[in-house]
Amino acid sequence: ETVAEVLAAGAAGVNIEDGAREPGEFAERMAAARGAVERAGGDLFLNARVDTYLRGLGGPRTRLAETLERAQRYVRAGADGIFVPGVTDAETIAALVAGIPVP
């Protein structure tokens, strides 16, 4: 329903946050959004926001791996792009760029 309304409004894309949701639940939501776009025959960029760094989810030593796992899962579910707010160091940014196959 929301995707149909966004398409009707003429939006080019939406940002959907995973927050503290389980990655599997969020991937299902992303797949549902992708399906709604396809059923509507629209062209909508689905950007998944991965909140692991912003919210400090997981341990510092495993956060990068968790972020990459979530991002790749969301891309498989239909995300066109990934946004990871809260990352401040160049090394982590480079690892995210290298490990995520979409912008």
N, C-alpha and C. Protein backbone atom coordinates (compact mmCIF):
# COMPACT_ATOMS: atom_id res chain seq x y z
N GLU A 1 0.83 -1.20 0.00
CA GLU A 1 0.00 0.00 0.00
C GLU A 1 0.87 1.26 0.00
N THR A 2 1.85 1.30 0.87
CA THR A 2 2.73 2.46 0.94
C THR A 2 3.50 2.64 -0.36
N VAL A 3 4.00 1.55 -0.93
CA VAL A 3 4.75 1.63 -2.18
C VAL A 3 3.87 2.19 -3.28
N ALA A 4 2.62 1.74 -3.37
CA ALA A 4 1.70 2.26 -4.39
C ALA A 4 1.49 3.76 -4.21
N GLU A 5 1.37 4.21 -2.98
CA GLU A 5 1.18 5.64 -2.71
C GLU A 5 2.41 6.44 -3.10
N VAL A 6 3.58 5.90 -2.81
CA VAL A 6 4.83 6.58 -3.16
C VAL A 6 4.97 6.68 -4.67
N LEU A 7 4.66 5.61 -5.37
CA LEU A 7 4.70 5.63 -6.84
C LEU A 7 3.71 6.64 -7.39
N ALA A 8 2.51 6.66 -6.85
CA ALA A 8 1.48 7.60 -7.31
C ALA A 8 1.91 9.05 -7.08
N ALA A 9 2.69 9.28 -6.04
CA ALA A 9 3.16 10.64 -5.75
C ALA A 9 4.30 11.06 -6.68
N GLY A 10 4.83 10.11 -7.44
CA GLY A 10 5.88 10.42 -8.39
C GLY A 10 7.30 10.37 -7.84
N ALA A 11 7.48 9.74 -6.71
CA ALA A 11 8.81 9.65 -6.10
C ALA A 11 9.73 8.77 -6.96
N ALA A 12 11.01 9.09 -6.91
CA ALA A 12 12.01 8.31 -7.63
C ALA A 12 12.57 7.19 -6.78
N GLY A 13 12.45 7.33 -5.45
CA GLY A 13 13.00 6.31 -4.57
C GLY A 13 12.55 6.50 -3.14
N VAL A 14 12.81 5.47 -2.34
CA VAL A 14 12.49 5.52 -0.91
C VAL A 14 13.65 4.93 -0.13
N ASN A 15 13.77 5.39 1.10
CA ASN A 15 14.77 4.89 2.03
C ASN A 15 14.03 4.10 3.10
N ILE A 16 14.38 2.83 3.27
CA ILE A 16 13.70 1.99 4.25
C ILE A 16 14.74 1.55 5.28
N GLU A 17 14.48 1.87 6.56
CA GLU A 17 15.44 1.60 7.63
C GLU A 17 15.21 0.23 8.24
N ASP A 18 16.30 -0.50 8.50
CA ASP A 18 16.13 -1.79 9.17
C ASP A 18 16.03 -1.64 10.68
N GLY A 19 16.55 -0.56 11.24
CA GLY A 19 16.43 -0.32 12.67
C GLY A 19 16.95 -1.51 13.47
N ALA A 20 16.21 -1.87 14.48
CA ALA A 20 16.60 -3.00 15.33
C ALA A 20 15.89 -4.29 14.92
N ARG A 21 15.22 -4.28 13.77
CA ARG A 21 14.53 -5.49 13.30
C ARG A 21 15.53 -6.60 13.02
N GLU A 22 15.04 -7.81 13.11
CA GLU A 22 15.85 -8.95 12.71
C GLU A 22 16.08 -8.85 11.19
N PRO A 23 17.29 -9.18 10.72
CA PRO A 23 17.57 -9.07 9.29
C PRO A 23 16.60 -9.87 8.41
N GLY A 24 16.18 -11.04 8.88
CA GLY A 24 15.24 -11.84 8.09
C GLY A 24 13.91 -11.14 7.92
N GLU A 25 13.42 -10.52 8.97
CA GLU A 25 12.16 -9.78 8.90
C GLU A 25 12.29 -8.60 7.94
N PHE A 26 13.40 -7.88 8.04
CA PHE A 26 13.59 -6.73 7.16
C PHE A 26 13.73 -7.18 5.70
N ALA A 27 14.42 -8.28 5.46
CA ALA A 27 14.56 -8.79 4.10
C ALA A 27 13.20 -9.15 3.52
N GLU A 28 12.32 -9.69 4.34
CA GLU A 28 10.96 -9.99 3.88
C GLU A 28 10.23 -8.71 3.50
N ARG A 29 10.39 -7.66 4.30
CA ARG A 29 9.77 -6.37 3.99
C ARG A 29 10.32 -5.79 2.69
N MET A 30 11.63 -5.93 2.50
CA MET A 30 12.25 -5.43 1.28
C MET A 30 11.73 -6.20 0.07
N ALA A 31 11.63 -7.51 0.19
CA ALA A 31 11.11 -8.33 -0.91
C ALA A 31 9.66 -7.96 -1.21
N ALA A 32 8.88 -7.68 -0.18
CA ALA A 32 7.49 -7.28 -0.39
C ALA A 32 7.43 -5.93 -1.10
N ALA A 33 8.29 -5.01 -0.72
CA ALA A 33 8.33 -3.70 -1.39
C ALA A 33 8.73 -3.86 -2.85
N ARG A 34 9.74 -4.70 -3.12
CA ARG A 34 10.17 -4.94 -4.50
C ARG A 34 9.03 -5.55 -5.31
N GLY A 35 8.32 -6.51 -4.71
CA GLY A 35 7.18 -7.13 -5.40
C GLY A 35 6.10 -6.12 -5.70
N ALA A 36 5.83 -5.21 -4.77
CA ALA A 36 4.80 -4.19 -4.98
C ALA A 36 5.19 -3.25 -6.12
N VAL A 37 6.46 -2.89 -6.19
CA VAL A 37 6.93 -2.04 -7.29
C VAL A 37 6.74 -2.75 -8.62
N GLU A 38 7.12 -4.01 -8.67
CA GLU A 38 7.00 -4.78 -9.91
C GLU A 38 5.54 -4.96 -10.32
N ARG A 39 4.68 -5.26 -9.35
CA ARG A 39 3.26 -5.43 -9.66
C ARG A 39 2.64 -4.13 -10.17
N ALA A 40 3.11 -3.01 -9.66
CA ALA A 40 2.58 -1.72 -10.08
C ALA A 40 3.18 -1.27 -11.42
N GLY A 41 4.19 -1.98 -11.87
CA GLY A 41 4.84 -1.61 -13.12
C GLY A 41 5.63 -0.32 -13.00
N GLY A 42 6.02 0.00 -11.78
CA GLY A 42 6.72 1.26 -11.53
C GLY A 42 8.23 1.12 -11.56
N ASP A 43 8.87 2.25 -11.40
CA ASP A 43 10.32 2.32 -11.33
C ASP A 43 10.66 3.10 -10.08
N LEU A 44 10.99 2.41 -9.01
CA LEU A 44 11.25 3.04 -7.72
C LEU A 44 12.54 2.48 -7.15
N PHE A 45 13.48 3.36 -6.83
CA PHE A 45 14.76 2.95 -6.24
C PHE A 45 14.52 2.64 -4.77
N LEU A 46 14.81 1.40 -4.37
CA LEU A 46 14.65 0.98 -2.98
C LEU A 46 16.01 1.00 -2.30
N ASN A 47 16.16 1.92 -1.38
CA ASN A 47 17.42 2.08 -0.65
C ASN A 47 17.24 1.53 0.75
N ALA A 48 18.07 0.57 1.12
CA ALA A 48 17.99 -0.03 2.46
C ALA A 48 19.00 0.65 3.38
N ARG A 49 18.50 1.19 4.48
CA ARG A 49 19.40 1.79 5.47
C ARG A 49 19.72 0.73 6.52
N VAL A 50 21.00 0.44 6.67
CA VAL A 50 21.47 -0.55 7.64
C VAL A 50 21.96 0.20 8.87
N ASP A 51 21.29 0.01 10.00
CA ASP A 51 21.52 0.82 11.19
C ASP A 51 22.51 0.24 12.20
N THR A 52 23.32 -0.71 11.79
CA THR A 52 24.24 -1.35 12.73
C THR A 52 25.21 -0.36 13.37
N TYR A 53 25.74 0.56 12.60
CA TYR A 53 26.68 1.55 13.15
C TYR A 53 25.93 2.68 13.84
N LEU A 54 24.88 3.15 13.26
CA LEU A 54 24.11 4.25 13.84
C LEU A 54 23.59 3.90 15.23
N ARG A 55 23.11 2.67 15.38
CA ARG A 55 22.53 2.23 16.65
C ARG A 55 23.50 1.42 17.51
N GLY A 56 24.71 1.19 17.01
CA GLY A 56 25.68 0.41 17.78
C GLY A 56 25.25 -1.03 17.97
N LEU A 57 24.64 -1.61 16.94
CA LEU A 57 24.15 -2.99 17.04
C LEU A 57 25.31 -3.98 16.91
N GLY A 58 25.28 -5.01 17.71
CA GLY A 58 26.34 -6.02 17.68
C GLY A 58 27.60 -5.49 18.33
N GLY A 59 28.57 -6.35 18.45
CA GLY A 59 29.84 -5.96 19.06
C GLY A 59 30.73 -5.23 18.08
N PRO A 60 31.60 -4.38 18.56
CA PRO A 60 32.50 -3.63 17.67
C PRO A 60 33.34 -4.53 16.75
N ARG A 61 33.73 -5.69 17.24
CA ARG A 61 34.57 -6.59 16.43
C ARG A 61 33.79 -7.31 15.34
N THR A 62 32.51 -7.45 15.51
CA THR A 62 31.69 -8.18 14.52
C THR A 62 30.77 -7.26 13.72
N ARG A 63 30.78 -5.99 14.02
CA ARG A 63 29.83 -5.05 13.39
C ARG A 63 30.01 -4.97 11.88
N LEU A 64 31.23 -4.92 11.40
CA LEU A 64 31.45 -4.84 9.95
C LEU A 64 30.90 -6.08 9.26
N ALA A 65 31.23 -7.25 9.77
CA ALA A 65 30.74 -8.49 9.16
C ALA A 65 29.21 -8.54 9.20
N GLU A 66 28.62 -8.14 10.31
CA GLU A 66 27.16 -8.11 10.43
C GLU A 66 26.55 -7.14 9.43
N THR A 67 27.17 -6.00 9.26
CA THR A 67 26.68 -4.99 8.32
C THR A 67 26.73 -5.51 6.90
N LEU A 68 27.84 -6.12 6.53
CA LEU A 68 27.98 -6.68 5.18
C LEU A 68 26.98 -7.80 4.94
N GLU A 69 26.79 -8.64 5.93
CA GLU A 69 25.82 -9.74 5.80
C GLU A 69 24.41 -9.19 5.58
N ARG A 70 24.04 -8.20 6.39
CA ARG A 70 22.71 -7.58 6.24
C ARG A 70 22.58 -6.94 4.86
N ALA A 71 23.57 -6.17 4.46
CA ALA A 71 23.51 -5.47 3.18
C ALA A 71 23.34 -6.45 2.02
N GLN A 72 24.12 -7.51 2.02
CA GLN A 72 24.03 -8.49 0.94
C GLN A 72 22.67 -9.19 0.95
N ARG A 73 22.16 -9.45 2.12
CA ARG A 73 20.84 -10.09 2.24
C ARG A 73 19.76 -9.16 1.69
N TYR A 74 19.86 -7.88 1.98
CA TYR A 74 18.86 -6.92 1.52
C TYR A 74 18.93 -6.73 0.00
N VAL A 75 20.13 -6.77 -0.55
CA VAL A 75 20.27 -6.69 -2.01
C VAL A 75 19.62 -7.91 -2.65
N ARG A 76 19.85 -9.09 -2.10
CA ARG A 76 19.21 -10.30 -2.64
C ARG A 76 17.68 -10.21 -2.55
N ALA A 77 17.19 -9.48 -1.55
CA ALA A 77 15.74 -9.33 -1.37
C ALA A 77 15.15 -8.25 -2.27
N GLY A 78 16.00 -7.45 -2.93
CA GLY A 78 15.47 -6.46 -3.86
C GLY A 78 15.93 -5.03 -3.68
N ALA A 79 16.80 -4.76 -2.72
CA ALA A 79 17.29 -3.39 -2.53
C ALA A 79 18.17 -2.98 -3.71
N ASP A 80 18.00 -1.74 -4.14
CA ASP A 80 18.82 -1.18 -5.22
C ASP A 80 20.06 -0.48 -4.69
N GLY A 81 20.02 -0.09 -3.42
CA GLY A 81 21.12 0.64 -2.82
C GLY A 81 21.18 0.37 -1.33
N ILE A 82 22.32 0.65 -0.73
CA ILE A 82 22.53 0.45 0.70
C ILE A 82 23.11 1.73 1.29
N PHE A 83 22.57 2.14 2.43
CA PHE A 83 23.04 3.32 3.15
C PHE A 83 23.38 2.89 4.57
N VAL A 84 24.63 3.15 4.99
CA VAL A 84 25.08 2.76 6.32
C VAL A 84 25.49 4.03 7.08
N PRO A 85 24.55 4.69 7.75
CA PRO A 85 24.91 5.90 8.49
C PRO A 85 25.70 5.58 9.75
N GLY A 86 26.49 6.53 10.18
CA GLY A 86 27.23 6.38 11.43
C GLY A 86 28.65 5.89 11.29
N VAL A 87 29.06 5.55 10.07
CA VAL A 87 30.44 5.09 9.86
C VAL A 87 31.32 6.33 9.65
N THR A 88 32.41 6.41 10.39
CA THR A 88 33.25 7.60 10.31
C THR A 88 34.69 7.35 9.87
N ASP A 89 35.13 6.10 9.85
CA ASP A 89 36.53 5.87 9.49
C ASP A 89 36.66 5.33 8.07
N ALA A 90 37.70 5.81 7.39
CA ALA A 90 37.91 5.49 5.98
C ALA A 90 38.10 3.99 5.73
N GLU A 91 38.73 3.29 6.64
CA GLU A 91 38.97 1.85 6.46
C GLU A 91 37.65 1.07 6.41
N THR A 92 36.74 1.40 7.30
CA THR A 92 35.44 0.72 7.31
C THR A 92 34.63 1.10 6.08
N ILE A 93 34.67 2.36 5.70
CA ILE A 93 33.96 2.80 4.49
C ILE A 93 34.48 2.03 3.28
N ALA A 94 35.79 1.90 3.16
CA ALA A 94 36.38 1.16 2.05
C ALA A 94 35.93 -0.30 2.05
N ALA A 95 35.88 -0.92 3.22
CA ALA A 95 35.43 -2.31 3.32
C ALA A 95 33.97 -2.45 2.92
N LEU A 96 33.15 -1.49 3.29
CA LEU A 96 31.73 -1.52 2.91
C LEU A 96 31.59 -1.37 1.40
N VAL A 97 32.31 -0.44 0.82
CA VAL A 97 32.26 -0.24 -0.63
C VAL A 97 32.69 -1.51 -1.36
N ALA A 98 33.74 -2.14 -0.88
CA ALA A 98 34.25 -3.36 -1.52
C ALA A 98 33.30 -4.54 -1.35
N GLY A 99 32.55 -4.58 -0.26
CA GLY A 99 31.73 -5.74 0.04
C GLY A 99 30.26 -5.65 -0.32
N ILE A 100 29.84 -4.49 -0.82
CA ILE A 100 28.42 -4.31 -1.16
C ILE A 100 28.33 -4.05 -2.66
N PRO A 101 27.56 -4.88 -3.39
CA PRO A 101 27.56 -4.81 -4.85
C PRO A 101 26.68 -3.72 -5.46
N VAL A 102 26.11 -2.86 -4.64
CA VAL A 102 25.26 -1.78 -5.16
C VAL A 102 25.71 -0.46 -4.53
N PRO A 103 25.26 0.66 -5.10
CA PRO A 103 25.66 1.95 -4.50
C PRO A 103 25.15 2.13 -3.08
